[in-house]
Amino acid sequence: MAIAEAAKFQNMRAKAMKFAPGAGSGIWKNETNFFDKARQGQWRELVGERDLAAYRKTMSDMLPPAAAAWLENGGSLPG
């Protein structure tokens, strides 16, 4: 349960320096901007097809489909 709580959007946004990709590297004027763009779907403007393909492969290599769906969409895990 602690992992689910820590993975909540508002918790990750509050700790943006830890969770935003490229945090501290100067990509973001403010790392919380990453989470604002994620909420509004603007991340699609920043992530190319090559990056998405790498993400999808990593997800499928590391997680069963139900866990990946939960991570991306929230809700309850089956079983």
C-alpha atoms as a PDB file:
ATOM      1  CA  MET A   1       0.000   0.000   0.000  1.00  0.00           C
ATOM      2  CA  ALA A   2       2.903   2.386   0.653  1.00  0.00           C
ATOM      3  CA  ILE A   3       4.032   2.043  -2.974  1.00  0.00           C
ATOM      4  CA  ALA A   4       0.562   2.897  -4.271  1.00  0.00           C
ATOM      5  CA  GLU A   5       0.426   5.951  -2.020  1.00  0.00           C
ATOM      6  CA  ALA A   6       3.882   7.102  -3.102  1.00  0.00           C
ATOM      7  CA  ALA A   7       2.962   6.668  -6.781  1.00  0.00           C
ATOM      8  CA  LYS A   8      -0.022   8.997  -6.584  1.00  0.00           C
ATOM      9  CA  PHE A   9       0.255  11.896  -8.997  1.00  0.00           C
ATOM     10  CA  GLN A  10       0.145  14.579  -6.302  1.00  0.00           C
ATOM     11  CA  ASN A  11       2.870  12.856  -4.277  1.00  0.00           C
ATOM     12  CA  MET A  12       5.147  12.513  -7.269  1.00  0.00           C
ATOM     13  CA  ARG A  13       4.518  16.145  -8.226  1.00  0.00           C
ATOM     14  CA  ALA A  14       5.381  17.247  -4.685  1.00  0.00           C
ATOM     15  CA  LYS A  15       8.712  15.413  -5.069  1.00  0.00           C
ATOM     16  CA  ALA A  16       9.330  16.505  -8.658  1.00  0.00           C
ATOM     17  CA  MET A  17      13.108  16.803  -8.151  1.00  0.00           C
ATOM     18  CA  LYS A  18      13.118  13.065  -7.492  1.00  0.00           C
ATOM     19  CA  PHE A  19      10.575  11.869 -10.057  1.00  0.00           C
ATOM     20  CA  ALA A  20      10.617  14.199 -13.083  1.00  0.00           C
ATOM     21  CA  PRO A  21      12.713  12.843 -15.939  1.00  0.00           C
ATOM     22  CA  GLY A  22      15.920  14.795 -16.267  1.00  0.00           C
ATOM     23  CA  ALA A  23      15.366  16.510 -12.916  1.00  0.00           C
ATOM     24  CA  GLY A  24      18.143  18.946 -12.121  1.00  0.00           C
ATOM     25  CA  SER A  25      19.552  18.856 -15.663  1.00  0.00           C
ATOM     26  CA  GLY A  26      17.967  22.089 -16.860  1.00  0.00           C
ATOM     27  CA  ILE A  27      15.338  20.486 -19.104  1.00  0.00           C
ATOM     28  CA  TRP A  28      12.599  22.049 -16.994  1.00  0.00           C
ATOM     29  CA  LYS A  29      12.471  25.622 -15.744  1.00  0.00           C
ATOM     30  CA  ASN A  30      10.712  24.030 -12.795  1.00  0.00           C
ATOM     31  CA  GLU A  31      10.503  20.240 -12.446  1.00  0.00           C
ATOM     32  CA  THR A  32       6.849  20.404 -11.376  1.00  0.00           C
ATOM     33  CA  ASN A  33       6.141  21.605 -14.948  1.00  0.00           C
ATOM     34  CA  PHE A  34       6.681  18.014 -16.073  1.00  0.00           C
ATOM     35  CA  PHE A  35       3.721  16.909 -13.983  1.00  0.00           C
ATOM     36  CA  ASP A  36       1.566  19.785 -15.236  1.00  0.00           C
ATOM     37  CA  LYS A  37       2.286  18.716 -18.814  1.00  0.00           C
ATOM     38  CA  ALA A  38       1.554  15.090 -17.926  1.00  0.00           C
ATOM     39  CA  ARG A  39      -1.835  15.970 -16.498  1.00  0.00           C
ATOM     40  CA  GLN A  40      -2.811  17.961 -19.587  1.00  0.00           C
ATOM     41  CA  GLY A  41      -1.440  15.419 -22.091  1.00  0.00           C
ATOM     42  CA  GLN A  42       1.157  17.873 -23.350  1.00  0.00           C
ATOM     43  CA  TRP A  43       3.849  15.253 -22.789  1.00  0.00           C
ATOM     44  CA  ARG A  44       2.949  13.997 -26.271  1.00  0.00           C
ATOM     45  CA  GLU A  45       4.618  17.110 -27.695  1.00  0.00           C
ATOM     46  CA  LEU A  46       7.864  16.249 -25.888  1.00  0.00           C
ATOM     47  CA  VAL A  47       8.136  12.500 -26.414  1.00  0.00           C
ATOM     48  CA  GLY A  48       8.911  11.074 -29.830  1.00  0.00           C
ATOM     49  CA  GLU A  49       7.928   7.735 -31.315  1.00  0.00           C
ATOM     50  CA  ARG A  50      11.390   6.321 -30.597  1.00  0.00           C
ATOM     51  CA  ASP A  51      11.044   7.210 -26.905  1.00  0.00           C
ATOM     52  CA  LEU A  52       7.549   5.719 -26.766  1.00  0.00           C
ATOM     53  CA  ALA A  53       8.777   2.491 -28.346  1.00  0.00           C
ATOM     54  CA  ALA A  54      11.569   2.237 -25.775  1.00  0.00           C
ATOM     55  CA  TYR A  55       9.084   2.925 -22.974  1.00  0.00           C
ATOM     56  CA  ARG A  56       6.667   0.258 -24.221  1.00  0.00           C
ATOM     57  CA  LYS A  57       9.449  -2.320 -24.517  1.00  0.00           C
ATOM     58  CA  THR A  58      10.728  -1.581 -21.030  1.00  0.00           C
ATOM     59  CA  MET A  59       7.229  -1.813 -19.580  1.00  0.00           C
ATOM     60  CA  SER A  60       6.540  -5.141 -21.284  1.00  0.00           C
ATOM     61  CA  ASP A  61       9.930  -6.509 -20.204  1.00  0.00           C
ATOM     62  CA  MET A  62       9.473  -5.507 -16.572  1.00  0.00           C
ATOM     63  CA  LEU A  63       5.755  -5.817 -15.793  1.00  0.00           C
ATOM     64  CA  PRO A  64       2.831  -8.075 -16.547  1.00  0.00           C
ATOM     65  CA  PRO A  65       0.176  -6.328 -18.650  1.00  0.00           C
ATOM     66  CA  ALA A  66      -2.234  -5.788 -15.715  1.00  0.00           C
ATOM     67  CA  ALA A  67       0.457  -4.088 -13.627  1.00  0.00           C
ATOM     68  CA  ALA A  68       1.509  -1.870 -16.532  1.00  0.00           C
ATOM     69  CA  ALA A  69      -2.129  -0.865 -17.112  1.00  0.00           C
ATOM     70  CA  TRP A  70      -2.511  -0.014 -13.421  1.00  0.00           C
ATOM     71  CA  LEU A  71       0.639   2.070 -13.466  1.00  0.00           C
ATOM     72  CA  GLU A  72      -0.485   4.025 -16.510  1.00  0.00           C
ATOM     73  CA  ASN A  73      -4.193   4.328 -15.760  1.00  0.00           C
ATOM     74  CA  GLY A  74      -4.711   3.756 -12.037  1.00  0.00           C
ATOM     75  CA  GLY A  75      -7.547   1.706 -10.678  1.00  0.00           C
ATOM     76  CA  SER A  76      -7.402  -1.701  -9.064  1.00  0.00           C
ATOM     77  CA  LEU A  77      -5.114  -4.551  -9.896  1.00  0.00           C
ATOM     78  CA  PRO A  78      -6.982  -7.784 -10.625  1.00  0.00           C
ATOM     79  CA  GLY A  79      -6.694 -10.614  -8.158  1.00  0.00           C
END
